[in-house]
């Protein structure tokens, strides 16, 4: 007659045995999840065997890599900083309506994110330059010419409408414009 061996078991989804429920080396299983557990001599319950025991931390720790896509079904990537506190950065995706591809450039630097406004902020070492628009009343296009030079703003103009430095003054569509070369 054969002997049936039955490890400790649970049929409750996501149930993991407590350290007090297992002796060191004793096996337990969650039948619903298809996972096995044991307790180490360090009094830690660990999942053993099967693909369920592989975590991204295991992959990173072991220096492994993957040559297949990682599919996150509705999940986010959450980045904890060096301090385990209440602040994290979460990378999430809105529900796509078609297949999309986001490509990171082959360069070092910081990814620029669009905030709720429509400003472009150019960071300097001490101060920033912000490019913004007033509330448009119609579709507008501003084109930067394919030339090197200084952009003239109302801040460059004197009371009589002239600018400082060497300038070229022209007329176009009844609108006077100036281009400053040098300073």
Protein backbone atom coordinates (compact mmCIF):
# COMPACT_ATOMS: atom_id res chain seq x y z
CA UNK A 1 0.00 0.00 0.00
CA UNK A 2 1.36 3.43 -0.94
CA UNK A 3 1.63 6.35 1.42
CA UNK A 4 0.07 9.67 0.41
CA UNK A 5 2.18 12.70 1.35
CA UNK A 6 0.21 15.91 1.70
CA UNK A 7 2.13 19.13 2.46
CA UNK A 8 0.35 21.89 4.31
CA UNK A 9 -1.98 23.59 1.86
CA UNK A 10 -4.40 26.40 1.24
CA UNK A 11 -6.99 27.02 -1.46
CA UNK A 12 -7.30 30.73 -0.65
CA UNK A 13 -5.90 32.87 -3.48
CA UNK A 14 -2.76 34.87 -2.59
CA UNK A 15 -2.50 33.14 0.81
CA UNK A 16 1.11 32.73 1.99
CA UNK A 17 1.90 30.69 5.12
CA UNK A 18 3.18 32.60 8.15
CA UNK A 19 6.58 31.82 9.69
CA UNK A 20 4.85 30.30 12.72
CA UNK A 21 2.91 27.87 10.49
CA UNK A 22 6.03 26.17 9.09
CA UNK A 23 9.09 24.41 10.45
CA UNK A 24 12.45 25.03 8.73
CA UNK A 25 12.43 23.09 5.42
CA UNK A 26 8.77 22.12 5.69
CA UNK A 27 6.72 22.47 2.48
CA UNK A 28 3.40 24.24 2.07
CA UNK A 29 1.43 24.89 -1.08
CA UNK A 30 -1.28 27.19 -2.34
CA UNK A 31 -3.36 25.00 -4.62
CA UNK A 32 -5.30 27.94 -6.15
CA UNK A 33 -2.15 29.92 -7.02
CA UNK A 34 -0.06 26.85 -7.90
CA UNK A 35 2.82 27.93 -5.64
CA UNK A 36 5.03 26.12 -3.11
CA UNK A 37 6.60 27.68 -0.01
CA UNK A 38 9.16 26.71 2.63
CA UNK A 39 10.75 28.36 5.66
CA UNK A 40 14.49 29.09 5.76
CA UNK A 41 16.77 28.82 8.79
CA UNK A 42 16.67 32.64 8.81
CA UNK A 43 12.94 32.39 9.69
CA UNK A 44 11.82 33.66 6.25
CA UNK A 45 9.01 32.06 4.22
CA UNK A 46 10.12 31.83 0.58
CA UNK A 47 8.32 30.77 -2.55
CA UNK A 48 10.16 27.90 -4.25
CA UNK A 49 10.09 26.34 -7.70
CA UNK A 50 8.02 27.25 -10.71
CA UNK A 51 7.97 30.46 -12.71
CA UNK A 52 6.03 32.21 -9.96
CA UNK A 53 9.15 32.37 -7.82
CA UNK A 54 11.07 34.47 -10.36
CA UNK A 55 10.85 38.20 -9.70
CA UNK A 56 12.33 41.15 -11.55
CA UNK A 57 14.58 41.60 -8.51
CA UNK A 58 15.91 38.07 -9.07
CA UNK A 59 16.63 38.91 -12.71
CA UNK A 60 18.42 42.17 -11.82
CA UNK A 61 20.38 40.62 -8.94
CA UNK A 62 21.57 37.73 -11.10
CA UNK A 63 22.53 40.02 -13.99
CA UNK A 64 20.20 38.24 -16.38
CA UNK A 65 18.55 39.90 -19.36
CA UNK A 66 15.64 39.10 -21.61
CA UNK A 67 15.38 38.98 -25.37
CA UNK A 68 11.56 39.09 -25.27
CA UNK A 69 9.15 41.92 -24.49
CA UNK A 70 7.94 42.44 -20.93
CA UNK A 71 4.16 42.70 -20.93
CA UNK A 72 2.49 44.61 -18.11
CA UNK A 73 -1.26 44.05 -18.33
CA UNK A 74 -2.61 47.27 -16.86
CA UNK A 75 0.26 47.51 -14.37
CA UNK A 76 2.50 50.49 -13.70
CA UNK A 77 6.23 50.73 -13.18
CA UNK A 78 6.79 52.29 -9.75
CA UNK A 79 10.22 53.69 -8.89
CA UNK A 80 11.10 54.12 -5.22
CA UNK A 81 13.93 56.56 -4.58
CA UNK A 82 16.92 55.76 -2.40
CA UNK A 83 14.71 56.47 0.62
CA UNK A 84 11.77 54.16 1.26
CA UNK A 85 9.21 56.87 1.99
CA UNK A 86 5.78 58.01 0.84
CA UNK A 87 7.12 59.43 -2.46
CA UNK A 88 7.55 57.38 -5.63
CA UNK A 89 7.57 58.02 -9.37
CA UNK A 90 4.99 56.00 -11.27
CA UNK A 91 5.22 55.36 -15.00
CA UNK A 92 1.74 54.63 -16.31
CA UNK A 93 0.06 54.38 -19.69
CA UNK A 94 -3.34 55.68 -20.73
CA UNK A 95 -5.61 53.11 -22.38
CA UNK A 96 -4.33 52.93 -25.98
CA UNK A 97 -6.73 53.22 -28.91
CA UNK A 98 -4.15 51.86 -31.41
CA UNK A 99 -0.69 50.30 -31.13
CA UNK A 100 1.82 52.96 -30.03
CA UNK A 101 5.61 53.09 -29.80
CA UNK A 102 7.57 55.49 -27.61
CA UNK A 103 11.24 55.63 -28.58
CA UNK A 104 13.91 56.94 -26.23
CA UNK A 105 16.71 58.75 -28.07
CA UNK A 106 20.21 57.28 -28.26
CA UNK A 107 21.74 59.94 -26.02
CA UNK A 108 22.34 60.88 -22.42
CA UNK A 109 20.17 63.51 -20.79
CA UNK A 110 16.91 64.20 -19.06
CA UNK A 111 13.57 63.35 -20.63
CA UNK A 112 11.49 66.52 -21.00
CA UNK A 113 7.88 66.10 -19.95
CA UNK A 114 4.99 68.35 -20.93
CA UNK A 115 3.32 69.82 -17.90
CA UNK A 116 -0.30 70.97 -17.87
CA UNK A 117 0.70 74.27 -19.49
CA UNK A 118 2.08 74.80 -22.98
CA UNK A 119 5.34 76.46 -22.00
CA UNK A 120 8.83 75.44 -23.10
CA UNK A 121 11.34 76.01 -20.31
CA UNK A 122 15.02 76.22 -21.19
CA UNK A 123 17.05 75.72 -18.04
CA UNK A 124 20.18 77.76 -17.50
CA UNK A 125 22.72 77.38 -14.71
CA UNK A 126 21.10 80.03 -12.50
CA UNK A 127 17.92 81.12 -14.29
CA UNK A 128 15.43 79.72 -16.81
CA UNK A 129 14.04 81.10 -20.07
CA UNK A 130 10.36 80.34 -20.66
CA UNK A 131 8.76 80.42 -24.10
CA UNK A 132 4.99 80.83 -23.82
CA UNK A 133 2.02 82.19 -25.74
CA UNK A 134 -0.92 84.36 -24.89
CA UNK A 135 -4.36 82.78 -25.29
CA UNK A 136 -4.73 82.44 -29.09
CA UNK A 137 -7.89 83.70 -30.77
CA UNK A 138 -7.18 81.81 -34.00
CA UNK A 139 -4.70 79.23 -35.33
CA UNK A 140 -1.28 80.88 -35.50
CA UNK A 141 2.12 79.83 -36.84
CA UNK A 142 5.41 81.37 -35.76
CA UNK A 143 8.37 80.29 -37.87
CA UNK A 144 11.99 80.55 -36.83
CA UNK A 145 14.16 81.28 -39.86
CA UNK A 146 17.00 78.91 -40.69
CA UNK A 147 19.64 81.49 -39.72
CA UNK A 148 21.84 82.28 -36.76
CA UNK A 149 21.15 85.50 -34.88
CA UNK A 150 19.38 87.08 -31.95
CA UNK A 151 15.61 87.06 -31.57
CA UNK A 152 14.22 90.57 -31.15
CA UNK A 153 11.59 91.06 -28.48
CA UNK A 154 9.85 94.11 -27.10
CA UNK A 155 12.48 93.97 -24.36
CA UNK A 156 15.16 94.77 -26.99
CA UNK A 157 13.38 97.90 -28.22
CA UNK A 158 13.98 101.46 -27.03
CA UNK A 159 11.22 104.06 -26.65
CA UNK A 160 11.57 105.18 -30.29
CA UNK A 161 11.37 101.57 -31.59
CA UNK A 162 15.07 101.15 -32.36
CA UNK A 163 17.30 98.40 -30.98
CA UNK A 164 20.82 98.31 -29.64
CA UNK A 165 23.61 96.73 -31.69
CA UNK A 166 23.94 96.29 -35.44
CA UNK A 167 20.46 95.85 -36.93
CA UNK A 168 18.81 95.21 -40.21
CA UNK A 169 15.35 96.77 -40.42
CA UNK A 170 12.84 95.56 -42.98
CA UNK A 171 9.18 95.69 -43.91
CA UNK A 172 6.99 92.67 -44.56
CA UNK A 173 3.20 92.60 -44.92
CA UNK A 174 3.02 96.09 -43.36
CA UNK A 175 4.86 94.78 -40.27
CA UNK A 176 8.28 96.19 -39.45
CA UNK A 177 10.83 93.71 -38.16
CA UNK A 178 14.41 93.87 -37.03
CA UNK A 179 17.19 91.33 -36.78
CA UNK A 180 20.03 92.08 -34.39
CA UNK A 181 23.54 90.82 -35.13
CA UNK A 182 25.94 91.08 -32.25
CA UNK A 183 25.13 92.96 -29.08
